[in-house]
Amino acid sequence: MIYLTMKHSGRNPQFTEITDPDFRYTVSANPYARFLEKLPRRPDGKTYVHLDQEAESKRGLWGAQFALSAERAQPIHLEIGCNAGHWILAQAAKDPTAHYLGIDWKFKAIHRAAEKAHAKDLQNLMFIRGHAGRVRFLFSPGELNSVRVFFPDPWLKRAQRKNRLLSSLFFAHLHEVVTPGGFLEFRTDQREYFDDVLKMMEPGLSRLWRITERTHDRHHGVDKSVFLKTVAPPEVTLFEKLFIKDGVPICMLRAERLPSNL
């Protein structure tokens, strides 16, 4: 996974990678960056969206953003690549006793997701506009109860695969921020990508994650004509429905976060 930002300008500009502690987001000219700052606030006065470096200042404090107390700490779940929030909006509405964070790189998508959360008055949902490769700078150890990664960009060309989000290093970083006993769920329509992830996790990451579920066809045997009429988020994502309609098998794995001393 490679993403660079210029550290300082001049004759010899230096660049930092997304996983570097010195990485800083650049100021964006995207008009939705400004629109995000003008979104209505939650009834408690807090914002629905946290941006870039400001989001990283909340590391270890996400419970406080949801007004959680140490005596009544509800779980916090993260969806990486939430897009306009179709899945996470439905999941947050279905599970009001837990708290949800969606992260996406696209300003417009996050803006739309936050608008919908406000319209639905969802108090257990917030969003982050940022890069998921920064997870260890966004969250403190054990701050999350689960992470879901649904249909990330597969970067299919061999020369592009270095850009894939999921890597051994990324899984190690997720292990830091998910609490022991928490879980990771990954879905994709790309079997080659899925098999690459399996190879990373077994045996290379078997001390960090234990795969508890896996399948190359999550909806094997379902009657597509009936299933598509009745199923909706959060049971499936919108991408997932399109793939089912086209007869594309969905690969899925779920892995438990193991204690660090194993």
Protein backbone atom coordinates (compact mmCIF):
# COMPACT_ATOMS: atom_id res chain seq x y z
CA MET A 1 0.00 0.00 0.00
CA ILE A 2 1.63 3.24 -1.15
CA TYR A 3 0.31 6.74 -0.68
CA LEU A 4 2.59 9.75 -0.49
CA THR A 5 2.30 13.30 0.74
CA MET A 6 4.88 16.06 0.40
CA LYS A 7 6.53 16.75 3.73
CA HIS A 8 7.86 20.17 2.74
CA SER A 9 8.38 22.08 -0.48
CA GLY A 10 11.58 23.37 -1.98
CA ARG A 11 14.21 22.19 -4.40
CA ASN A 12 14.33 18.77 -2.74
CA PRO A 13 10.82 17.95 -1.56
CA GLN A 14 10.52 14.95 0.73
CA PHE A 15 7.60 12.56 0.76
CA THR A 16 6.15 10.39 3.48
CA GLU A 17 4.16 7.18 3.09
CA ILE A 18 0.69 6.74 4.51
CA THR A 19 1.99 4.53 7.35
CA ASP A 20 4.67 7.04 8.39
CA PRO A 21 4.03 8.86 11.71
CA ASP A 22 5.06 12.11 9.99
CA PHE A 23 2.42 11.78 7.27
CA ARG A 24 0.20 14.86 6.96
CA TYR A 25 -2.88 15.29 4.80
CA THR A 26 -2.65 18.04 2.21
CA VAL A 27 -5.30 20.75 1.95
CA SER A 28 -7.89 19.63 -0.56
CA ALA A 29 -9.51 21.82 -3.22
CA ASN A 30 -12.48 19.44 -3.39
CA PRO A 31 -15.61 21.55 -2.74
CA TYR A 32 -17.06 18.76 -0.60
CA ALA A 33 -14.22 19.31 1.87
CA ARG A 34 -15.83 22.66 2.65
CA PHE A 35 -19.35 21.24 2.53
CA LEU A 36 -18.41 18.73 5.22
CA GLU A 37 -17.57 21.56 7.60
CA LYS A 38 -21.05 23.03 7.13
CA LEU A 39 -23.03 19.88 7.88
CA PRO A 40 -25.64 20.07 10.66
CA ARG A 41 -24.42 18.83 14.02
CA ARG A 42 -25.81 16.08 16.18
CA PRO A 43 -28.22 17.03 19.01
CA ASP A 44 -25.30 16.73 21.46
CA GLY A 45 -23.39 19.37 19.49
CA LYS A 46 -20.80 16.96 18.11
CA THR A 47 -20.08 16.62 14.43
CA TYR A 48 -21.07 13.64 12.30
CA VAL A 49 -17.77 13.74 10.38
CA HIS A 50 -14.15 13.93 11.53
CA LEU A 51 -11.60 14.98 8.95
CA ASP A 52 -8.03 13.92 8.28
CA GLN A 53 -5.60 15.10 10.99
CA GLU A 54 -8.46 16.22 13.25
CA ALA A 55 -9.80 12.66 13.22
CA GLU A 56 -6.40 11.38 14.37
CA SER A 57 -6.57 13.72 17.37
CA LYS A 58 -9.50 11.58 18.58
CA ARG A 59 -7.28 8.50 18.95
CA GLY A 60 -8.22 6.81 22.21
CA LEU A 61 -11.15 9.20 22.64
CA TRP A 62 -13.78 7.77 20.30
CA GLY A 63 -15.88 6.58 23.23
CA ALA A 64 -16.10 10.18 24.41
CA GLN A 65 -17.31 11.25 20.96
CA PHE A 66 -20.25 8.92 21.49
CA ALA A 67 -20.60 10.17 25.10
CA LEU A 68 -19.72 6.75 26.46
CA SER A 69 -18.73 6.32 30.08
CA ALA A 70 -16.23 3.79 31.37
CA GLU A 71 -19.05 2.19 33.36
CA ARG A 72 -21.25 1.77 30.28
CA ALA A 73 -18.88 1.26 27.37
CA GLN A 74 -20.73 0.01 24.30
CA PRO A 75 -18.75 -1.68 21.55
CA ILE A 76 -17.39 0.41 18.69
CA HIS A 77 -17.35 -1.10 15.19
CA LEU A 78 -15.53 0.23 12.10
CA GLU A 79 -16.43 -0.18 8.44
CA ILE A 80 -13.54 0.55 6.09
CA GLY A 81 -14.57 1.92 2.72
CA CYS A 82 -18.11 2.79 3.79
CA ASN A 83 -18.82 4.80 0.62
CA ALA A 84 -22.14 6.66 1.00
CA GLY A 85 -22.99 4.58 4.05
CA HIS A 86 -25.55 2.14 2.66
CA TRP A 87 -24.47 -0.78 4.83
CA ILE A 88 -23.41 1.04 7.97
CA LEU A 89 -26.53 3.22 8.11
CA ALA A 90 -28.70 0.12 8.04
CA GLN A 91 -26.51 -1.68 10.59
CA ALA A 92 -26.46 1.28 13.01
CA ALA A 93 -30.26 1.54 12.80
CA LYS A 94 -30.62 -2.20 13.41
CA ASP A 95 -28.19 -2.24 16.36
CA PRO A 96 -28.73 0.97 18.39
CA THR A 97 -26.92 -0.38 21.47
CA ALA A 98 -23.56 -0.42 19.65
CA HIS A 99 -21.64 2.43 18.05
CA TYR A 100 -20.38 2.60 14.49
CA LEU A 101 -17.69 4.46 12.58
CA GLY A 102 -17.43 4.51 8.80
CA ILE A 103 -14.26 5.63 7.06
CA ASP A 104 -13.83 6.54 3.41
CA TRP A 105 -11.38 8.50 1.31
CA LYS A 106 -14.01 10.20 -0.89
CA PHE A 107 -15.29 13.57 0.33
CA LYS A 108 -18.57 13.41 -1.59
CA ALA A 109 -19.43 9.90 -0.39
CA ILE A 110 -18.79 10.80 3.25
CA HIS A 111 -20.84 13.97 2.87
CA ARG A 112 -23.78 11.98 1.53
CA ALA A 113 -23.45 9.38 4.29
CA ALA A 114 -23.45 12.06 6.99
CA GLU A 115 -26.49 13.76 5.46
CA LYS A 116 -28.39 10.47 5.64
CA ALA A 117 -27.28 9.83 9.24
CA HIS A 118 -28.57 13.28 10.20
CA ALA A 119 -31.88 12.71 8.36
CA LYS A 120 -32.33 9.41 10.21
CA ASP A 121 -31.24 10.98 13.53
CA LEU A 122 -28.75 8.17 14.15
CA GLN A 123 -26.88 9.00 17.34
CA ASN A 124 -24.71 5.86 17.29
CA LEU A 125 -22.96 6.59 13.99
CA MET A 126 -20.10 8.86 12.93
CA PHE A 127 -17.82 9.06 9.90
CA ILE A 128 -14.15 9.66 9.21
CA ARG A 129 -12.85 11.24 6.01
CA GLY A 130 -9.37 9.79 5.83
CA HIS A 131 -7.17 6.95 4.66
CA ALA A 132 -7.73 3.53 6.23
CA GLY A 133 -3.98 2.92 6.09
CA ARG A 134 -3.78 5.28 9.08
CA VAL A 135 -5.72 2.97 11.45
CA ARG A 136 -3.00 2.80 14.09
CA PHE A 137 -2.94 6.62 14.23
CA LEU A 138 -6.74 6.86 14.34
CA PHE A 139 -7.32 4.30 17.10
CA SER A 140 -5.56 3.31 20.29
CA PRO A 141 -4.83 -0.35 21.17
CA GLY A 142 -8.03 -2.33 21.61
CA GLU A 143 -10.30 0.64 20.93
CA LEU A 144 -12.38 -1.21 18.31
CA ASN A 145 -14.50 -4.32 18.72
CA SER A 146 -14.62 -5.19 15.04
CA VAL A 147 -13.52 -4.10 11.57
CA ARG A 148 -15.35 -4.84 8.34
CA VAL A 149 -13.80 -4.46 4.90
CA PHE A 150 -16.33 -4.98 2.13
CA PHE A 151 -15.27 -5.09 -1.52
CA PRO A 152 -12.07 -3.01 -1.40
CA ASP A 153 -10.45 -2.00 -4.68
CA PRO A 154 -8.74 -5.21 -5.90
CA TRP A 155 -6.15 -3.44 -8.10
CA LEU A 156 -6.22 -6.33 -10.55
CA LYS A 157 -3.14 -5.57 -12.65
CA ARG A 158 0.01 -7.15 -11.26
CA ALA A 159 1.86 -3.82 -11.26
CA GLN A 160 -0.96 -2.26 -9.22
CA ARG A 161 -1.17 -4.86 -6.48
CA LYS A 162 1.21 -2.90 -4.27
CA ASN A 163 -1.68 -0.45 -3.88
CA ARG A 164 -3.99 -3.00 -2.26
CA LEU A 165 -5.16 -2.03 1.20
CA LEU A 166 -4.98 -5.55 2.64
CA SER A 167 -1.44 -6.65 3.41
CA SER A 168 0.40 -8.44 6.20
CA LEU A 169 1.42 -5.06 7.65
CA PHE A 170 -2.17 -3.78 7.55
CA PHE A 171 -3.48 -6.91 9.30
CA ALA A 172 -0.82 -6.41 11.99
CA HIS A 173 -1.99 -2.81 12.45
CA LEU A 174 -5.61 -3.97 12.71
CA HIS A 175 -4.52 -6.44 15.39
CA GLU A 176 -3.26 -3.50 17.43
CA VAL A 177 -6.53 -1.57 17.36
CA VAL A 178 -9.07 -4.41 17.74
CA THR A 179 -9.69 -5.74 21.23
CA PRO A 180 -8.89 -9.43 21.97
CA GLY A 181 -11.87 -11.53 21.00
CA GLY A 182 -13.00 -8.93 18.47
CA PHE A 183 -13.28 -9.79 14.82
CA LEU A 184 -12.42 -8.83 11.26
CA GLU A 185 -14.74 -9.54 8.32
CA PHE A 186 -13.69 -9.32 4.67
CA ARG A 187 -15.83 -9.76 1.55
CA THR A 188 -14.85 -9.57 -2.12
CA ASP A 189 -16.00 -10.72 -5.52
CA GLN A 190 -12.36 -11.30 -6.54
CA ARG A 191 -11.31 -14.86 -5.73
CA GLU A 192 -7.64 -14.24 -6.52
CA TYR A 193 -7.56 -11.36 -4.02
CA PHE A 194 -9.38 -13.49 -1.45
CA ASP A 195 -6.94 -16.39 -1.85
CA ASP A 196 -4.01 -13.99 -1.49
CA VAL A 197 -5.49 -12.80 1.82
CA LEU A 198 -5.90 -16.40 2.99
CA LYS A 199 -2.23 -17.05 2.21
CA MET A 200 -1.24 -14.00 4.25
CA MET A 201 -3.28 -15.05 7.25
CA GLU A 202 -2.37 -18.74 7.26
CA PRO A 203 0.17 -19.45 8.54
CA GLY A 204 1.90 -16.06 8.45
CA LEU A 205 -0.55 -14.21 10.69
CA SER A 206 -1.95 -17.18 12.61
CA ARG A 207 -0.54 -15.80 15.89
CA LEU A 208 -2.60 -12.64 15.39
CA TRP A 209 -5.83 -13.81 13.77
CA ARG A 210 -7.74 -17.08 13.77
CA ILE A 211 -10.06 -17.60 10.81
CA THR A 212 -13.44 -18.75 12.14
CA GLU A 213 -15.45 -18.64 8.90
CA ARG A 214 -14.49 -18.79 5.25
CA THR A 215 -16.25 -19.42 1.97
CA HIS A 216 -15.72 -18.87 -1.73
CA ASP A 217 -19.48 -18.56 -2.25
CA ARG A 218 -21.35 -16.85 0.58
CA HIS A 219 -24.75 -17.29 -1.10
CA HIS A 220 -24.30 -20.78 -2.52
CA GLY A 221 -27.59 -22.50 -3.25
CA VAL A 222 -29.89 -19.51 -2.76
CA ASP A 223 -32.74 -18.92 -5.19
CA LYS A 224 -31.52 -15.67 -6.73
CA SER A 225 -34.95 -14.60 -8.03
CA VAL A 226 -36.46 -14.84 -4.54
CA PHE A 227 -33.41 -13.78 -2.53
CA LEU A 228 -32.90 -10.47 -4.34
CA LYS A 229 -36.51 -9.44 -3.71
CA THR A 230 -36.26 -9.88 0.04
CA VAL A 231 -32.66 -9.17 1.05
CA ALA A 232 -31.36 -5.67 1.86
CA PRO A 233 -28.59 -4.00 3.86
CA PRO A 234 -27.24 -4.82 6.39
CA GLU A 235 -27.66 -8.49 5.39
CA VAL A 236 -25.85 -7.64 2.16
CA THR A 237 -24.16 -4.56 0.73
CA LEU A 238 -25.40 -2.81 -2.41
CA PHE A 239 -22.34 -4.05 -4.33
CA GLU A 240 -23.12 -7.55 -3.09
CA LYS A 241 -26.67 -7.42 -4.47
CA LEU A 242 -25.34 -6.43 -7.89
CA PHE A 243 -22.84 -9.30 -7.89
CA ILE A 244 -25.52 -11.79 -6.81
CA LYS A 245 -27.75 -10.58 -9.65
CA ASP A 246 -24.90 -11.19 -12.11
CA GLY A 247 -24.16 -14.62 -10.65
CA VAL A 248 -20.76 -13.65 -9.24
CA PRO A 249 -19.77 -15.68 -6.12
CA ILE A 250 -18.98 -13.65 -3.01
CA CYS A 251 -15.93 -14.70 -1.02
CA MET A 252 -16.06 -14.03 2.73
CA LEU A 253 -13.91 -14.65 5.76
CA ARG A 254 -14.26 -13.78 9.40
CA ALA A 255 -11.29 -13.89 11.77
CA GLU A 256 -11.02 -13.56 15.54
CA ARG A 257 -8.41 -11.25 17.02
CA LEU A 258 -6.13 -13.36 19.21
CA PRO A 259 -4.44 -12.17 22.43
CA SER A 260 -0.96 -10.79 21.89
CA ASN A 261 0.72 -13.31 24.18
CA LEU A 262 -0.21 -16.37 22.10
